[in-house]
Amino acid sequence: MKALESYGIKPREPGARGRAGPLLSYVTMRMADRGGSPDGTPKLYFTDPDGILIQIKDLKYCGGSGKMGEVCVRG
């Protein structure tokens, strides 16, 4: 989030609802009931100057559980 702030992307107000405006960042937690870790898997989002939403994921992310979504279930 500090790196994003250095580019002029500000943290979204805590508790804000609805679509985020341009140049805002926020983190949501994907909880175990949605496939995240028991304590939640953080998901970092930010919007570009046009308000288009972008998500940043850890390099180990595979859509699984674990703190960073890195515990993969092969089926």
PDB file of N, CA and C in Angstrom:
ATOM      1  N   MET A   1       0.831  -1.183   0.000  1.00  0.00           N
ATOM      2  CA  MET A   1       0.000   0.000   0.000  1.00  0.00           C
ATOM      3  C   MET A   1       0.882   1.255   0.000  1.00  0.00           C
ATOM      4  N   LYS A   2       2.028   1.166   0.672  1.00  0.00           N
ATOM      5  CA  LYS A   2       2.934   2.318   0.663  1.00  0.00           C
ATOM      6  C   LYS A   2       3.479   2.570  -0.737  1.00  0.00           C
ATOM      7  N   ALA A   3       3.770   1.504  -1.463  1.00  0.00           N
ATOM      8  CA  ALA A   3       4.251   1.669  -2.838  1.00  0.00           C
ATOM      9  C   ALA A   3       3.168   2.332  -3.693  1.00  0.00           C
ATOM     10  N   LEU A   4       1.916   1.909  -3.526  1.00  0.00           N
ATOM     11  CA  LEU A   4       0.828   2.519  -4.288  1.00  0.00           C
ATOM     12  C   LEU A   4       0.678   4.001  -3.924  1.00  0.00           C
ATOM     13  N   GLU A   5       0.814   4.312  -2.631  1.00  0.00           N
ATOM     14  CA  GLU A   5       0.714   5.714  -2.196  1.00  0.00           C
ATOM     15  C   GLU A   5       1.788   6.575  -2.851  1.00  0.00           C
ATOM     16  N   SER A   6       2.971   6.001  -3.083  1.00  0.00           N
ATOM     17  CA  SER A   6       4.039   6.775  -3.719  1.00  0.00           C
ATOM     18  C   SER A   6       3.690   7.150  -5.159  1.00  0.00           C
ATOM     19  N   TYR A   7       2.685   6.455  -5.743  1.00  0.00           N
ATOM     20  CA  TYR A   7       2.200   6.765  -7.092  1.00  0.00           C
ATOM     21  C   TYR A   7       0.914   7.580  -7.063  1.00  0.00           C
ATOM     22  N   GLY A   8       0.524   8.051  -5.878  1.00  0.00           N
ATOM     23  CA  GLY A   8      -0.665   8.891  -5.779  1.00  0.00           C
ATOM     24  C   GLY A   8      -1.961   8.133  -5.562  1.00  0.00           C
ATOM     25  N   ILE A   9      -1.872   6.838  -5.269  1.00  0.00           N
ATOM     26  CA  ILE A   9      -3.069   6.024  -5.012  1.00  0.00           C
ATOM     27  C   ILE A   9      -3.290   6.004  -3.510  1.00  0.00           C
ATOM     28  N   LYS A  10      -4.392   6.567  -3.065  1.00  0.00           N
ATOM     29  CA  LYS A  10      -4.649   6.726  -1.647  1.00  0.00           C
ATOM     30  C   LYS A  10      -5.478   5.573  -1.095  1.00  0.00           C
ATOM     31  N   PRO A  11      -5.300   5.243   0.192  1.00  0.00           N
ATOM     32  CA  PRO A  11      -6.141   4.214   0.805  1.00  0.00           C
ATOM     33  C   PRO A  11      -7.604   4.666   0.848  1.00  0.00           C
ATOM     34  N   ARG A  12      -8.490   3.744   0.562  1.00  0.00           N
ATOM     35  CA  ARG A  12      -9.929   4.016   0.621  1.00  0.00           C
ATOM     36  C   ARG A  12     -10.339   4.186   2.080  1.00  0.00           C
ATOM     37  N   GLU A  13     -11.328   5.017   2.337  1.00  0.00           N
ATOM     38  CA  GLU A  13     -11.829   5.223   3.691  1.00  0.00           C
ATOM     39  C   GLU A  13     -12.321   3.903   4.273  1.00  0.00           C
ATOM     40  N   PRO A  14     -11.939   3.576   5.505  1.00  0.00           N
ATOM     41  CA  PRO A  14     -12.425   2.341   6.133  1.00  0.00           C
ATOM     42  C   PRO A  14     -13.959   2.319   6.185  1.00  0.00           C
ATOM     43  N   GLY A  15     -14.518   1.167   5.862  1.00  0.00           N
ATOM     44  CA  GLY A  15     -15.968   1.010   5.890  1.00  0.00           C
ATOM     45  C   GLY A  15     -16.690   1.548   4.673  1.00  0.00           C
ATOM     46  N   ALA A  16     -15.956   2.097   3.690  1.00  0.00           N
ATOM     47  CA  ALA A  16     -16.597   2.633   2.488  1.00  0.00           C
ATOM     48  C   ALA A  16     -17.311   1.507   1.742  1.00  0.00           C
ATOM     49  N   ARG A  17     -18.438   1.813   1.161  1.00  0.00           N
ATOM     50  CA  ARG A  17     -19.239   0.835   0.416  1.00  0.00           C
ATOM     51  C   ARG A  17     -19.363   1.261  -1.037  1.00  0.00           C
ATOM     52  N   GLY A  18     -19.735   0.306  -1.869  1.00  0.00           N
ATOM     53  CA  GLY A  18     -19.950   0.605  -3.283  1.00  0.00           C
ATOM     54  C   GLY A  18     -18.655   0.636  -4.066  1.00  0.00           C
ATOM     55  N   ARG A  19     -18.782   1.023  -5.290  1.00  0.00           N
ATOM     56  CA  ARG A  19     -17.635   1.064  -6.200  1.00  0.00           C
ATOM     57  C   ARG A  19     -16.624   2.119  -5.764  1.00  0.00           C
ATOM     58  N   ALA A  20     -15.345   1.757  -5.787  1.00  0.00           N
ATOM     59  CA  ALA A  20     -14.286   2.703  -5.425  1.00  0.00           C
ATOM     60  C   ALA A  20     -14.041   3.665  -6.580  1.00  0.00           C
ATOM     61  N   GLY A  21     -13.773   4.905  -6.245  1.00  0.00           N
ATOM     62  CA  GLY A  21     -13.448   5.898  -7.259  1.00  0.00           C
ATOM     63  C   GLY A  21     -12.027   5.724  -7.759  1.00  0.00           C
ATOM     64  N   PRO A  22     -11.575   6.622  -8.646  1.00  0.00           N
ATOM     65  CA  PRO A  22     -10.230   6.542  -9.197  1.00  0.00           C
ATOM     66  C   PRO A  22      -9.143   6.717  -8.134  1.00  0.00           C
ATOM     67  N   LEU A  23      -8.035   6.013  -8.330  1.00  0.00           N
ATOM     68  CA  LEU A  23      -6.809   6.138  -7.544  1.00  0.00           C
ATOM     69  C   LEU A  23      -7.011   5.880  -6.051  1.00  0.00           C
ATOM     70  N   LEU A  24      -7.722   4.787  -5.752  1.00  0.00           N
ATOM     71  CA  LEU A  24      -7.928   4.350  -4.376  1.00  0.00           C
ATOM     72  C   LEU A  24      -7.464   2.908  -4.230  1.00  0.00           C
ATOM     73  N   SER A  25      -7.022   2.533  -3.034  1.00  0.00           N
ATOM     74  CA  SER A  25      -6.603   1.154  -2.770  1.00  0.00           C
ATOM     75  C   SER A  25      -7.319   0.642  -1.532  1.00  0.00           C
ATOM     76  N   TYR A  26      -7.461  -0.675  -1.454  1.00  0.00           N
ATOM     77  CA  TYR A  26      -8.052  -1.295  -0.265  1.00  0.00           C
ATOM     78  C   TYR A  26      -7.733  -2.784  -0.248  1.00  0.00           C
ATOM     79  N   VAL A  27      -7.873  -3.387   0.938  1.00  0.00           N
ATOM     80  CA  VAL A  27      -7.640  -4.812   1.128  1.00  0.00           C
ATOM     81  C   VAL A  27      -8.931  -5.435   1.629  1.00  0.00           C
ATOM     82  N   THR A  28      -9.317  -6.573   1.047  1.00  0.00           N
ATOM     83  CA  THR A  28     -10.419  -7.368   1.570  1.00  0.00           C
ATOM     84  C   THR A  28      -9.847  -8.712   1.999  1.00  0.00           C
ATOM     85  N   MET A  29     -10.575  -9.420   2.823  1.00  0.00           N
ATOM     86  CA  MET A  29     -10.128 -10.724   3.294  1.00  0.00           C
ATOM     87  C   MET A  29     -11.046 -11.813   2.732  1.00  0.00           C
ATOM     88  N   ARG A  30     -10.459 -12.789   2.027  1.00  0.00           N
ATOM     89  CA  ARG A  30     -11.209 -13.958   1.554  1.00  0.00           C
ATOM     90  C   ARG A  30     -11.155 -14.969   2.688  1.00  0.00           C
ATOM     91  N   MET A  31     -12.289 -15.194   3.317  1.00  0.00           N
ATOM     92  CA  MET A  31     -12.361 -16.055   4.495  1.00  0.00           C
ATOM     93  C   MET A  31     -12.485 -17.524   4.088  1.00  0.00           C
ATOM     94  N   ALA A  32     -12.392 -18.411   5.083  1.00  0.00           N
ATOM     95  CA  ALA A  32     -12.399 -19.858   4.842  1.00  0.00           C
ATOM     96  C   ALA A  32     -13.659 -20.314   4.112  1.00  0.00           C
ATOM     97  N   ASP A  33     -14.796 -19.686   4.369  1.00  0.00           N
ATOM     98  CA  ASP A  33     -16.034 -20.099   3.703  1.00  0.00           C
ATOM     99  C   ASP A  33     -16.018 -19.803   2.203  1.00  0.00           C
ATOM    100  N   ARG A  34     -15.042 -19.004   1.742  1.00  0.00           N
ATOM    101  CA  ARG A  34     -14.873 -18.715   0.317  1.00  0.00           C
ATOM    102  C   ARG A  34     -13.544 -19.249  -0.201  1.00  0.00           C
ATOM    103  N   GLY A  35     -12.925 -20.195   0.544  1.00  0.00           N
ATOM    104  CA  GLY A  35     -11.694 -20.834   0.089  1.00  0.00           C
ATOM    105  C   GLY A  35     -10.414 -20.231   0.618  1.00  0.00           C
ATOM    106  N   GLY A  36     -10.497 -19.214   1.469  1.00  0.00           N
ATOM    107  CA  GLY A  36      -9.312 -18.603   2.036  1.00  0.00           C
ATOM    108  C   GLY A  36      -8.829 -19.346   3.266  1.00  0.00           C
ATOM    109  N   SER A  37      -7.817 -18.818   3.898  1.00  0.00           N
ATOM    110  CA  SER A  37      -7.294 -19.434   5.117  1.00  0.00           C
ATOM    111  C   SER A  37      -8.257 -19.156   6.277  1.00  0.00           C
ATOM    112  N   PRO A  38      -8.140 -19.903   7.380  1.00  0.00           N
ATOM    113  CA  PRO A  38      -9.029 -19.675   8.518  1.00  0.00           C
ATOM    114  C   PRO A  38      -8.995 -18.233   9.040  1.00  0.00           C
ATOM    115  N   ASP A  39      -7.830 -17.595   8.990  1.00  0.00           N
ATOM    116  CA  ASP A  39      -7.710 -16.203   9.436  1.00  0.00           C
ATOM    117  C   ASP A  39      -7.996 -15.205   8.316  1.00  0.00           C
ATOM    118  N   GLY A  40      -8.225 -15.695   7.130  1.00  0.00           N
ATOM    119  CA  GLY A  40      -8.479 -14.838   5.975  1.00  0.00           C
ATOM    120  C   GLY A  40      -7.252 -14.712   5.088  1.00  0.00           C
ATOM    121  N   THR A  41      -7.487 -14.652   3.796  1.00  0.00           N
ATOM    122  CA  THR A  41      -6.438 -14.449   2.803  1.00  0.00           C
ATOM    123  C   THR A  41      -6.606 -13.033   2.254  1.00  0.00           C
ATOM    124  N   PRO A  42      -5.619 -12.147   2.461  1.00  0.00           N
ATOM    125  CA  PRO A  42      -5.778 -10.758   2.011  1.00  0.00           C
ATOM    126  C   PRO A  42      -5.770 -10.644   0.495  1.00  0.00           C
ATOM    127  N   LYS A  43      -6.623  -9.746   0.004  1.00  0.00           N
ATOM    128  CA  LYS A  43      -6.696  -9.447  -1.427  1.00  0.00           C
ATOM    129  C   LYS A  43      -6.544  -7.938  -1.584  1.00  0.00           C
ATOM    130  N   LEU A  44      -5.498  -7.516  -2.289  1.00  0.00           N
ATOM    131  CA  LEU A  44      -5.199  -6.096  -2.463  1.00  0.00           C
ATOM    132  C   LEU A  44      -5.755  -5.613  -3.801  1.00  0.00           C
ATOM    133  N   TYR A  45      -6.552  -4.552  -3.749  1.00  0.00           N
ATOM    134  CA  TYR A  45      -7.138  -3.946  -4.942  1.00  0.00           C
ATOM    135  C   TYR A  45      -6.748  -2.476  -5.005  1.00  0.00           C
ATOM    136  N   PHE A  46      -6.690  -1.950  -6.227  1.00  0.00           N
ATOM    137  CA  PHE A  46      -6.582  -0.511  -6.416  1.00  0.00           C
ATOM    138  C   PHE A  46      -7.242  -0.151  -7.733  1.00  0.00           C
ATOM    139  N   THR A  47      -7.560   1.116  -7.900  1.00  0.00           N
ATOM    140  CA  THR A  47      -8.196   1.582  -9.130  1.00  0.00           C
ATOM    141  C   THR A  47      -7.242   2.503  -9.881  1.00  0.00           C
ATOM    142  N   ASP A  48      -7.338   2.448 -11.202  1.00  0.00           N
ATOM    143  CA  ASP A  48      -6.505   3.305 -12.042  1.00  0.00           C
ATOM    144  C   ASP A  48      -7.166   4.684 -12.175  1.00  0.00           C
ATOM    145  N   PRO A  49      -6.562   5.612 -12.930  1.00  0.00           N
ATOM    146  CA  PRO A  49      -7.149   6.956 -13.052  1.00  0.00           C
ATOM    147  C   PRO A  49      -8.568   6.971 -13.632  1.00  0.00           C
ATOM    148  N   ASP A  50      -8.946   5.925 -14.368  1.00  0.00           N
ATOM    149  CA  ASP A  50     -10.297   5.842 -14.920  1.00  0.00           C
ATOM    150  C   ASP A  50     -11.254   5.084 -14.004  1.00  0.00           C
ATOM    151  N   GLY A  51     -10.778   4.647 -12.842  1.00  0.00           N
ATOM    152  CA  GLY A  51     -11.618   3.912 -11.897  1.00  0.00           C
ATOM    153  C   GLY A  51     -11.704   2.423 -12.183  1.00  0.00           C
ATOM    154  N   ILE A  52     -10.854   1.908 -13.081  1.00  0.00           N
ATOM    155  CA  ILE A  52     -10.861   0.474 -13.394  1.00  0.00           C
ATOM    156  C   ILE A  52     -10.162  -0.281 -12.270  1.00  0.00           C
ATOM    157  N   LEU A  53     -10.827  -1.312 -11.754  1.00  0.00           N
ATOM    158  CA  LEU A  53     -10.338  -2.068 -10.612  1.00  0.00           C
ATOM    159  C   LEU A  53      -9.260  -3.070 -11.021  1.00  0.00           C
ATOM    160  N   ILE A  54      -8.161  -3.101 -10.263  1.00  0.00           N
ATOM    161  CA  ILE A  54      -7.031  -3.996 -10.505  1.00  0.00           C
ATOM    162  C   ILE A  54      -6.724  -4.720  -9.198  1.00  0.00           C
ATOM    163  N   GLN A  55      -6.442  -6.028  -9.290  1.00  0.00           N
ATOM    164  CA  GLN A  55      -6.087  -6.802  -8.108  1.00  0.00           C
ATOM    165  C   GLN A  55      -4.631  -7.227  -8.210  1.00  0.00           C
ATOM    166  N   ILE A  56      -3.901  -7.147  -7.087  1.00  0.00           N
ATOM    167  CA  ILE A  56      -2.517  -7.611  -7.009  1.00  0.00           C
ATOM    168  C   ILE A  56      -2.499  -8.868  -6.149  1.00  0.00           C
ATOM    169  N   LYS A  57      -1.838  -9.917  -6.655  1.00  0.00           N
ATOM    170  CA  LYS A  57      -1.746 -11.176  -5.921  1.00  0.00           C
ATOM    171  C   LYS A  57      -0.293 -11.530  -5.668  1.00  0.00           C
ATOM    172  N   ASP A  58      -0.057 -12.288  -4.608  1.00  0.00           N
ATOM    173  CA  ASP A  58       1.266 -12.804  -4.303  1.00  0.00           C
ATOM    174  C   ASP A  58       1.689 -13.764  -5.415  1.00  0.00           C
ATOM    175  N   LEU A  59       2.965 -13.853  -5.704  1.00  0.00           N
ATOM    176  CA  LEU A  59       3.457 -14.736  -6.766  1.00  0.00           C
ATOM    177  C   LEU A  59       3.126 -16.205  -6.526  1.00  0.00           C
ATOM    178  N   LYS A  60       2.975 -16.602  -5.260  1.00  0.00           N
ATOM    179  CA  LYS A  60       2.668 -18.000  -4.941  1.00  0.00           C
ATOM    180  C   LYS A  60       1.173 -18.307  -5.017  1.00  0.00           C
ATOM    181  N   TYR A  61       0.340 -17.300  -5.266  1.00  0.00           N
ATOM    182  CA  TYR A  61      -1.109 -17.475  -5.279  1.00  0.00           C
ATOM    183  C   TYR A  61      -1.529 -18.487  -6.349  1.00  0.00           C
ATOM    184  N   CYS A  62      -2.385 -19.432  -5.957  1.00  0.00           N
ATOM    185  CA  CYS A  62      -2.900 -20.409  -6.920  1.00  0.00           C
ATOM    186  C   CYS A  62      -4.425 -20.537  -6.802  1.00  0.00           C
ATOM    187  N   GLY A  63      -5.045 -19.631  -6.043  1.00  0.00           N
ATOM    188  CA  GLY A  63      -6.489 -19.698  -5.844  1.00  0.00           C
ATOM    189  C   GLY A  63      -6.882 -20.598  -4.697  1.00  0.00           C
ATOM    190  N   GLY A  64      -5.897 -21.063  -3.963  1.00  0.00           N
ATOM    191  CA  GLY A  64      -6.166 -21.990  -2.871  1.00  0.00           C
ATOM    192  C   GLY A  64      -6.293 -21.293  -1.534  1.00  0.00           C
ATOM    193  N   SER A  65      -6.161 -22.089  -0.486  1.00  0.00           N
ATOM    194  CA  SER A  65      -6.216 -21.529   0.856  1.00  0.00           C
ATOM    195  C   SER A  65      -4.807 -21.157   1.277  1.00  0.00           C
ATOM    196  N   GLY A  66      -4.595 -20.958   2.557  1.00  0.00           N
ATOM    197  CA  GLY A  66      -3.304 -20.482   3.020  1.00  0.00           C
ATOM    198  C   GLY A  66      -3.318 -18.975   3.130  1.00  0.00           C
ATOM    199  N   LYS A  67      -2.381 -18.436   3.881  1.00  0.00           N
ATOM    200  CA  LYS A  67      -2.357 -17.000   4.139  1.00  0.00           C
ATOM    201  C   LYS A  67      -2.313 -16.171   2.860  1.00  0.00           C
ATOM    202  N   MET A  68      -1.608 -16.638   1.846  1.00  0.00           N
ATOM    203  CA  MET A  68      -1.516 -15.905   0.590  1.00  0.00           C
ATOM    204  C   MET A  68      -2.157 -16.658  -0.574  1.00  0.00           C
ATOM    205  N   GLY A  69      -3.038 -17.617  -0.274  1.00  0.00           N
ATOM    206  CA  GLY A  69      -3.708 -18.384  -1.332  1.00  0.00           C
ATOM    207  C   GLY A  69      -2.805 -19.381  -2.010  1.00  0.00           C
ATOM    208  N   GLU A  70      -1.718 -19.783  -1.323  1.00  0.00           N
ATOM    209  CA  GLU A  70      -0.694 -20.626  -1.940  1.00  0.00           C
ATOM    210  C   GLU A  70      -0.873 -22.114  -1.695  1.00  0.00           C
ATOM    211  N   VAL A  71      -1.852 -22.523  -0.876  1.00  0.00           N
ATOM    212  CA  VAL A  71      -2.075 -23.944  -0.600  1.00  0.00           C
ATOM    213  C   VAL A  71      -3.059 -24.454  -1.651  1.00  0.00           C
ATOM    214  N   CYS A  72      -2.521 -25.106  -2.665  1.00  0.00           N
ATOM    215  CA  CYS A  72      -3.311 -25.501  -3.841  1.00  0.00           C
ATOM    216  C   CYS A  72      -3.887 -26.920  -3.677  1.00  0.00           C
ATOM    217  N   VAL A  73      -5.086 -27.090  -4.154  1.00  0.00           N
ATOM    218  CA  VAL A  73      -5.714 -28.408  -4.168  1.00  0.00           C
ATOM    219  C   VAL A  73      -5.778 -28.845  -5.629  1.00  0.00           C
ATOM    220  N   ARG A  74      -5.099 -29.910  -5.915  1.00  0.00           N
ATOM    221  CA  ARG A  74      -5.104 -30.440  -7.295  1.00  0.00           C
ATOM    222  C   ARG A  74      -6.215 -31.480  -7.406  1.00  0.00           C
ATOM    223  N   GLY A  75      -6.979 -31.400  -8.462  1.00  0.00           N
ATOM    224  CA  GLY A  75      -8.098 -32.313  -8.573  1.00  0.00           C
ATOM    225  C   GLY A  75      -8.162 -33.115  -9.764  1.00  0.00           C
TER     226      GLY A  75
END
